[in-house]
Amino acid sequence: MNVKNCPPDLETYNATLQRIFEAPSKADKPVENESKFCAMMDLMEEMQHRNRVTPNEESWTWVMRECVQSGQFRLGHCVAKLMEAEFKKAPADLVAKNNENADKAKADGKEHPSHLAQQQSLFDIKIA
């Protein structure tokens, strides 16, 4: 954004967050390991630190929607806690869907990342 010609406002940032959420990819063909969540957090950082625009409830709701849609329930829990702390509430429907994602992952045995499940427990290590 050219901040000198067109200083961004909260409405513009929220529209950009919406566009990131709705876009299938930032490229014509999806890029491997592309993360909408990371793109949204980059925008939120620019919003707060470069341009001194404080994200509102709508801003964080777009981020929460992405967490639910992508199945990233751990990040969803963090965003919900942030919204409760900042705005005294989080969207109940999104929190419920995020909890459904967490329950589904637990039922599938994917509650924890696979690389953590492969680590040996500290208590199972025998020291000679």
N, C-alpha and C. Protein backbone atom coordinates (compact mmCIF):
# COMPACT_ATOMS: atom_id res chain seq x y z
N MET A 1 0.84 -1.19 0.00
CA MET A 1 0.00 0.00 0.00
C MET A 1 0.88 1.24 0.00
N ASN A 2 0.49 2.24 -0.75
CA ASN A 2 1.19 3.50 -0.73
C ASN A 2 0.54 4.36 0.34
N VAL A 3 1.14 4.34 1.52
CA VAL A 3 0.55 5.01 2.67
C VAL A 3 0.49 6.52 2.49
N LYS A 4 1.43 7.11 1.73
CA LYS A 4 1.43 8.56 1.54
C LYS A 4 0.22 9.01 0.71
N ASN A 5 -0.12 8.25 -0.31
CA ASN A 5 -1.24 8.63 -1.18
C ASN A 5 -2.59 8.21 -0.62
N CYS A 6 -2.61 7.08 0.05
CA CYS A 6 -3.89 6.51 0.49
C CYS A 6 -3.69 5.83 1.84
N PRO A 7 -3.72 6.58 2.92
CA PRO A 7 -3.52 5.94 4.22
C PRO A 7 -4.64 4.94 4.50
N PRO A 8 -4.29 3.70 4.82
CA PRO A 8 -5.32 2.69 5.06
C PRO A 8 -6.09 2.95 6.34
N ASP A 9 -7.33 2.55 6.33
CA ASP A 9 -8.16 2.68 7.52
C ASP A 9 -8.66 1.29 7.92
N LEU A 10 -9.37 1.21 9.02
CA LEU A 10 -9.84 -0.06 9.54
C LEU A 10 -10.74 -0.79 8.55
N GLU A 11 -11.60 -0.05 7.88
CA GLU A 11 -12.51 -0.65 6.91
C GLU A 11 -11.74 -1.30 5.75
N THR A 12 -10.69 -0.64 5.28
CA THR A 12 -9.87 -1.19 4.20
C THR A 12 -9.16 -2.46 4.65
N TYR A 13 -8.61 -2.43 5.85
CA TYR A 13 -7.93 -3.61 6.37
C TYR A 13 -8.90 -4.78 6.53
N ASN A 14 -10.09 -4.52 7.06
CA ASN A 14 -11.08 -5.59 7.23
C ASN A 14 -11.50 -6.17 5.88
N ALA A 15 -11.63 -5.30 4.88
CA ALA A 15 -11.98 -5.78 3.53
C ALA A 15 -10.84 -6.65 2.97
N THR A 16 -9.60 -6.29 3.28
CA THR A 16 -8.46 -7.09 2.82
C THR A 16 -8.43 -8.44 3.53
N LEU A 17 -8.73 -8.45 4.82
CA LEU A 17 -8.80 -9.72 5.56
C LEU A 17 -9.90 -10.62 4.97
N GLN A 18 -11.02 -10.02 4.62
CA GLN A 18 -12.11 -10.78 4.00
C GLN A 18 -11.66 -11.36 2.67
N ARG A 19 -10.96 -10.57 1.89
CA ARG A 19 -10.49 -11.03 0.57
C ARG A 19 -9.48 -12.17 0.71
N ILE A 20 -8.60 -12.07 1.70
CA ILE A 20 -7.65 -13.16 1.95
C ILE A 20 -8.41 -14.43 2.29
N PHE A 21 -9.42 -14.31 3.15
CA PHE A 21 -10.22 -15.47 3.55
C PHE A 21 -10.93 -16.11 2.37
N GLU A 22 -11.50 -15.28 1.50
CA GLU A 22 -12.32 -15.78 0.39
C GLU A 22 -11.50 -16.25 -0.81
N ALA A 23 -10.28 -15.78 -0.94
CA ALA A 23 -9.45 -16.14 -2.11
C ALA A 23 -8.97 -17.59 -2.00
N PRO A 24 -9.01 -18.33 -3.11
CA PRO A 24 -8.51 -19.70 -3.06
C PRO A 24 -6.99 -19.76 -2.87
N SER A 25 -6.29 -18.78 -3.42
CA SER A 25 -4.84 -18.71 -3.30
C SER A 25 -4.38 -17.33 -3.73
N LYS A 26 -3.16 -16.96 -3.35
CA LYS A 26 -2.66 -15.66 -3.80
C LYS A 26 -2.07 -15.74 -5.20
N ALA A 27 -1.90 -16.95 -5.71
CA ALA A 27 -1.38 -17.16 -7.06
C ALA A 27 -2.43 -17.86 -7.91
N ASP A 28 -2.17 -17.91 -9.21
CA ASP A 28 -3.10 -18.61 -10.11
C ASP A 28 -3.25 -20.07 -9.73
N LYS A 29 -2.12 -20.69 -9.41
CA LYS A 29 -2.11 -22.08 -8.95
C LYS A 29 -1.71 -22.07 -7.48
N PRO A 30 -2.41 -22.82 -6.62
CA PRO A 30 -2.05 -22.82 -5.20
C PRO A 30 -0.58 -23.17 -4.96
N VAL A 31 0.01 -22.46 -4.04
CA VAL A 31 1.42 -22.63 -3.71
C VAL A 31 1.53 -23.58 -2.52
N GLU A 32 2.50 -24.47 -2.56
CA GLU A 32 2.70 -25.41 -1.46
C GLU A 32 3.02 -24.66 -0.17
N ASN A 33 2.43 -25.10 0.92
CA ASN A 33 2.62 -24.52 2.26
C ASN A 33 2.15 -23.08 2.37
N GLU A 34 1.27 -22.66 1.50
CA GLU A 34 0.71 -21.32 1.58
C GLU A 34 -0.23 -21.26 2.79
N SER A 35 -0.16 -20.20 3.55
CA SER A 35 -0.97 -20.09 4.75
C SER A 35 -1.74 -18.78 4.76
N LYS A 36 -3.05 -18.89 4.71
CA LYS A 36 -3.88 -17.69 4.81
C LYS A 36 -3.76 -17.09 6.21
N PHE A 37 -3.63 -17.96 7.21
CA PHE A 37 -3.49 -17.47 8.58
C PHE A 37 -2.26 -16.57 8.69
N CYS A 38 -1.13 -17.01 8.13
CA CYS A 38 0.10 -16.20 8.17
C CYS A 38 -0.08 -14.88 7.42
N ALA A 39 -0.75 -14.94 6.28
CA ALA A 39 -1.00 -13.71 5.52
C ALA A 39 -1.85 -12.74 6.33
N MET A 40 -2.85 -13.28 7.02
CA MET A 40 -3.72 -12.43 7.84
C MET A 40 -2.94 -11.83 9.01
N MET A 41 -2.09 -12.63 9.64
CA MET A 41 -1.32 -12.12 10.77
C MET A 41 -0.30 -11.08 10.31
N ASP A 42 0.28 -11.25 9.13
CA ASP A 42 1.18 -10.23 8.57
C ASP A 42 0.44 -8.91 8.38
N LEU A 43 -0.78 -9.01 7.86
CA LEU A 43 -1.58 -7.81 7.64
C LEU A 43 -1.94 -7.15 8.97
N MET A 44 -2.28 -7.97 9.97
CA MET A 44 -2.62 -7.42 11.29
C MET A 44 -1.41 -6.73 11.92
N GLU A 45 -0.23 -7.30 11.70
CA GLU A 45 0.99 -6.67 12.22
C GLU A 45 1.22 -5.32 11.55
N GLU A 46 1.08 -5.29 10.23
CA GLU A 46 1.24 -4.03 9.50
C GLU A 46 0.22 -3.01 9.99
N MET A 47 -0.98 -3.49 10.18
CA MET A 47 -2.09 -2.65 10.62
C MET A 47 -1.77 -1.97 11.95
N GLN A 48 -1.31 -2.78 12.92
CA GLN A 48 -1.07 -2.26 14.26
C GLN A 48 0.22 -1.47 14.38
N HIS A 49 1.30 -2.03 13.87
CA HIS A 49 2.61 -1.46 14.16
C HIS A 49 3.07 -0.40 13.17
N ARG A 50 2.73 -0.58 11.89
CA ARG A 50 3.16 0.41 10.90
C ARG A 50 2.20 1.57 10.81
N ASN A 51 0.91 1.28 10.90
CA ASN A 51 -0.08 2.33 10.64
C ASN A 51 -0.93 2.71 11.83
N ARG A 52 -0.65 2.12 12.98
CA ARG A 52 -1.33 2.49 14.23
C ARG A 52 -2.85 2.35 14.14
N VAL A 53 -3.32 1.31 13.44
CA VAL A 53 -4.75 1.03 13.34
C VAL A 53 -5.01 -0.21 14.19
N THR A 54 -5.86 -0.08 15.20
CA THR A 54 -6.13 -1.19 16.09
C THR A 54 -7.20 -2.11 15.50
N PRO A 55 -6.90 -3.41 15.39
CA PRO A 55 -7.90 -4.35 14.86
C PRO A 55 -9.13 -4.39 15.77
N ASN A 56 -10.28 -4.51 15.16
CA ASN A 56 -11.51 -4.61 15.95
C ASN A 56 -12.02 -6.04 15.95
N GLU A 57 -13.22 -6.23 16.47
CA GLU A 57 -13.80 -7.57 16.56
C GLU A 57 -13.98 -8.21 15.18
N GLU A 58 -14.36 -7.41 14.20
CA GLU A 58 -14.53 -7.93 12.84
C GLU A 58 -13.21 -8.46 12.28
N SER A 59 -12.13 -7.75 12.55
CA SER A 59 -10.80 -8.17 12.07
C SER A 59 -10.47 -9.56 12.60
N TRP A 60 -10.62 -9.74 13.90
CA TRP A 60 -10.29 -11.02 14.52
C TRP A 60 -11.28 -12.11 14.14
N THR A 61 -12.52 -11.74 13.81
CA THR A 61 -13.50 -12.73 13.37
C THR A 61 -13.08 -13.35 12.05
N TRP A 62 -12.51 -12.55 11.14
CA TRP A 62 -12.01 -13.10 9.87
C TRP A 62 -10.89 -14.10 10.13
N VAL A 63 -10.02 -13.79 11.08
CA VAL A 63 -8.93 -14.70 11.42
C VAL A 63 -9.50 -15.99 12.02
N MET A 64 -10.49 -15.84 12.90
CA MET A 64 -11.12 -17.01 13.52
C MET A 64 -11.80 -17.88 12.47
N ARG A 65 -12.44 -17.26 11.50
CA ARG A 65 -13.08 -18.02 10.42
C ARG A 65 -12.05 -18.85 9.66
N GLU A 66 -10.90 -18.28 9.41
CA GLU A 66 -9.85 -19.02 8.71
C GLU A 66 -9.36 -20.20 9.55
N CYS A 67 -9.22 -19.99 10.85
CA CYS A 67 -8.79 -21.09 11.72
C CYS A 67 -9.79 -22.24 11.67
N VAL A 68 -11.08 -21.91 11.69
CA VAL A 68 -12.13 -22.94 11.64
C VAL A 68 -12.13 -23.63 10.28
N GLN A 69 -12.09 -22.85 9.21
CA GLN A 69 -12.15 -23.41 7.86
C GLN A 69 -10.95 -24.32 7.57
N SER A 70 -9.78 -23.93 8.04
CA SER A 70 -8.57 -24.71 7.76
C SER A 70 -8.37 -25.84 8.75
N GLY A 71 -9.18 -25.89 9.81
CA GLY A 71 -9.07 -26.95 10.80
C GLY A 71 -7.95 -26.75 11.80
N GLN A 72 -7.42 -25.54 11.89
CA GLN A 72 -6.34 -25.26 12.83
C GLN A 72 -6.93 -24.89 14.19
N PHE A 73 -7.42 -25.92 14.89
CA PHE A 73 -8.16 -25.68 16.13
C PHE A 73 -7.29 -25.11 17.24
N ARG A 74 -6.00 -25.43 17.25
CA ARG A 74 -5.12 -24.87 18.29
C ARG A 74 -5.02 -23.35 18.15
N LEU A 75 -4.82 -22.89 16.91
CA LEU A 75 -4.79 -21.44 16.67
C LEU A 75 -6.15 -20.83 16.96
N GLY A 76 -7.21 -21.57 16.62
CA GLY A 76 -8.57 -21.09 16.90
C GLY A 76 -8.80 -20.86 18.38
N HIS A 77 -8.26 -21.77 19.21
CA HIS A 77 -8.38 -21.59 20.67
C HIS A 77 -7.68 -20.30 21.10
N CYS A 78 -6.51 -20.04 20.54
CA CYS A 78 -5.75 -18.83 20.88
C CYS A 78 -6.50 -17.57 20.47
N VAL A 79 -7.04 -17.57 19.25
CA VAL A 79 -7.77 -16.40 18.76
C VAL A 79 -9.03 -16.18 19.59
N ALA A 80 -9.72 -17.26 19.96
CA ALA A 80 -10.93 -17.13 20.79
C ALA A 80 -10.58 -16.52 22.15
N LYS A 81 -9.48 -16.96 22.75
CA LYS A 81 -9.06 -16.41 24.05
C LYS A 81 -8.71 -14.93 23.92
N LEU A 82 -8.03 -14.58 22.83
CA LEU A 82 -7.69 -13.18 22.59
C LEU A 82 -8.96 -12.33 22.47
N MET A 83 -9.94 -12.84 21.71
CA MET A 83 -11.18 -12.09 21.52
C MET A 83 -11.93 -11.93 22.84
N GLU A 84 -11.92 -12.98 23.67
CA GLU A 84 -12.58 -12.87 24.98
C GLU A 84 -11.88 -11.84 25.85
N ALA A 85 -10.56 -11.79 25.79
CA ALA A 85 -9.81 -10.81 26.58
C ALA A 85 -10.01 -9.39 26.06
N GLU A 86 -9.98 -9.22 24.74
CA GLU A 86 -10.08 -7.88 24.15
C GLU A 86 -11.51 -7.35 24.08
N PHE A 87 -12.45 -8.23 23.71
CA PHE A 87 -13.81 -7.77 23.41
C PHE A 87 -14.86 -8.37 24.34
N LYS A 88 -14.42 -9.16 25.32
CA LYS A 88 -15.30 -9.80 26.31
C LYS A 88 -16.21 -10.86 25.71
N LYS A 89 -15.99 -11.22 24.43
CA LYS A 89 -16.79 -12.28 23.80
C LYS A 89 -16.08 -12.74 22.54
N ALA A 90 -16.43 -13.96 22.15
CA ALA A 90 -15.96 -14.53 20.88
C ALA A 90 -17.19 -15.09 20.18
N PRO A 91 -17.20 -15.11 18.85
CA PRO A 91 -18.38 -15.62 18.13
C PRO A 91 -18.68 -17.07 18.53
N ALA A 92 -19.82 -17.27 19.17
CA ALA A 92 -20.17 -18.59 19.71
C ALA A 92 -20.22 -19.67 18.63
N ASP A 93 -20.73 -19.31 17.46
CA ASP A 93 -20.82 -20.31 16.38
C ASP A 93 -19.44 -20.76 15.92
N LEU A 94 -18.50 -19.83 15.82
CA LEU A 94 -17.15 -20.18 15.40
C LEU A 94 -16.41 -20.96 16.48
N VAL A 95 -16.63 -20.59 17.74
CA VAL A 95 -16.02 -21.33 18.84
C VAL A 95 -16.53 -22.76 18.86
N ALA A 96 -17.84 -22.93 18.65
CA ALA A 96 -18.43 -24.28 18.62
C ALA A 96 -17.86 -25.10 17.46
N LYS A 97 -17.74 -24.49 16.29
CA LYS A 97 -17.16 -25.21 15.14
C LYS A 97 -15.69 -25.55 15.38
N ASN A 98 -14.98 -24.64 16.03
CA ASN A 98 -13.58 -24.90 16.35
C ASN A 98 -13.47 -26.08 17.33
N ASN A 99 -14.36 -26.11 18.31
CA ASN A 99 -14.37 -27.23 19.26
C ASN A 99 -14.72 -28.54 18.55
N GLU A 100 -15.61 -28.48 17.57
CA GLU A 100 -15.93 -29.67 16.77
C GLU A 100 -14.68 -30.17 16.03
N ASN A 101 -13.91 -29.23 15.48
CA ASN A 101 -12.66 -29.60 14.80
C ASN A 101 -11.69 -30.27 15.78
N ALA A 102 -11.61 -29.73 17.01
CA ALA A 102 -10.73 -30.31 18.02
C ALA A 102 -11.21 -31.71 18.41
N ASP A 103 -12.51 -31.88 18.59
CA ASP A 103 -13.06 -33.19 18.95
C ASP A 103 -12.83 -34.21 17.84
N LYS A 104 -12.99 -33.77 16.60
CA LYS A 104 -12.77 -34.66 15.45
C LYS A 104 -11.30 -35.09 15.39
N ALA A 105 -10.39 -34.15 15.62
CA ALA A 105 -8.96 -34.47 15.61
C ALA A 105 -8.62 -35.44 16.73
N LYS A 106 -9.24 -35.24 17.89
CA LYS A 106 -8.99 -36.14 19.02
C LYS A 106 -9.50 -37.54 18.70
N ALA A 107 -10.69 -37.63 18.11
CA ALA A 107 -11.27 -38.93 17.73
C ALA A 107 -10.42 -39.63 16.67
N ASP A 108 -9.80 -38.86 15.79
CA ASP A 108 -8.95 -39.43 14.73
C ASP A 108 -7.53 -39.71 15.21
N GLY A 109 -7.25 -39.38 16.48
CA GLY A 109 -5.90 -39.58 17.00
C GLY A 109 -4.92 -38.53 16.53
N LYS A 110 -5.42 -37.38 16.11
CA LYS A 110 -4.56 -36.31 15.59
C LYS A 110 -4.63 -35.06 16.46
N GLU A 111 -4.88 -35.29 17.75
CA GLU A 111 -4.99 -34.15 18.66
C GLU A 111 -3.66 -33.40 18.79
N HIS A 112 -2.57 -34.16 18.75
CA HIS A 112 -1.23 -33.57 18.86
C HIS A 112 -0.48 -33.80 17.55
N PRO A 113 0.41 -32.88 17.19
CA PRO A 113 1.19 -33.06 15.96
C PRO A 113 1.96 -34.38 15.98
N SER A 114 2.05 -35.02 14.83
CA SER A 114 2.66 -36.35 14.76
C SER A 114 4.12 -36.36 15.22
N HIS A 115 4.85 -35.29 14.97
CA HIS A 115 6.26 -35.28 15.38
C HIS A 115 6.40 -35.28 16.90
N LEU A 116 5.39 -34.76 17.62
CA LEU A 116 5.44 -34.80 19.08
C LEU A 116 5.07 -36.19 19.59
N ALA A 117 4.15 -36.85 18.91
CA ALA A 117 3.73 -38.19 19.32
C ALA A 117 4.87 -39.19 19.15
N GLN A 118 5.82 -38.92 18.26
CA GLN A 118 6.92 -39.84 18.01
C GLN A 118 8.07 -39.67 19.01
N GLN A 119 8.04 -38.61 19.79
CA GLN A 119 9.12 -38.38 20.74
C GLN A 119 8.98 -39.32 21.93
N GLN A 120 10.11 -39.73 22.44
CA GLN A 120 10.11 -40.62 23.59
C GLN A 120 9.82 -39.81 24.84
N SER A 121 9.02 -40.37 25.71
CA SER A 121 8.68 -39.68 26.95
C SER A 121 9.92 -39.53 27.82
N LEU A 122 10.01 -38.44 28.51
CA LEU A 122 11.13 -38.18 29.41
C LEU A 122 11.21 -39.25 30.49
N PHE A 123 10.05 -39.74 30.92
CA PHE A 123 10.02 -40.72 32.00
C PHE A 123 10.37 -42.13 31.52
N ASP A 124 10.38 -42.35 30.21
CA ASP A 124 10.74 -43.65 29.65
C ASP A 124 12.24 -43.78 29.38
N ILE A 125 12.95 -42.68 29.48
CA ILE A 125 14.39 -42.70 29.21
C ILE A 125 15.11 -43.28 30.42
N LYS A 126 15.94 -44.29 30.17
CA LYS A 126 16.72 -44.91 31.25
C LYS A 126 18.13 -44.33 31.23
N ILE A 127 18.52 -43.79 32.34
CA ILE A 127 19.85 -43.20 32.46
C ILE A 127 20.75 -44.22 33.15
N ALA A 128 21.86 -44.53 32.52
CA ALA A 128 22.77 -45.55 33.07
C ALA A 128 23.72 -44.94 34.06
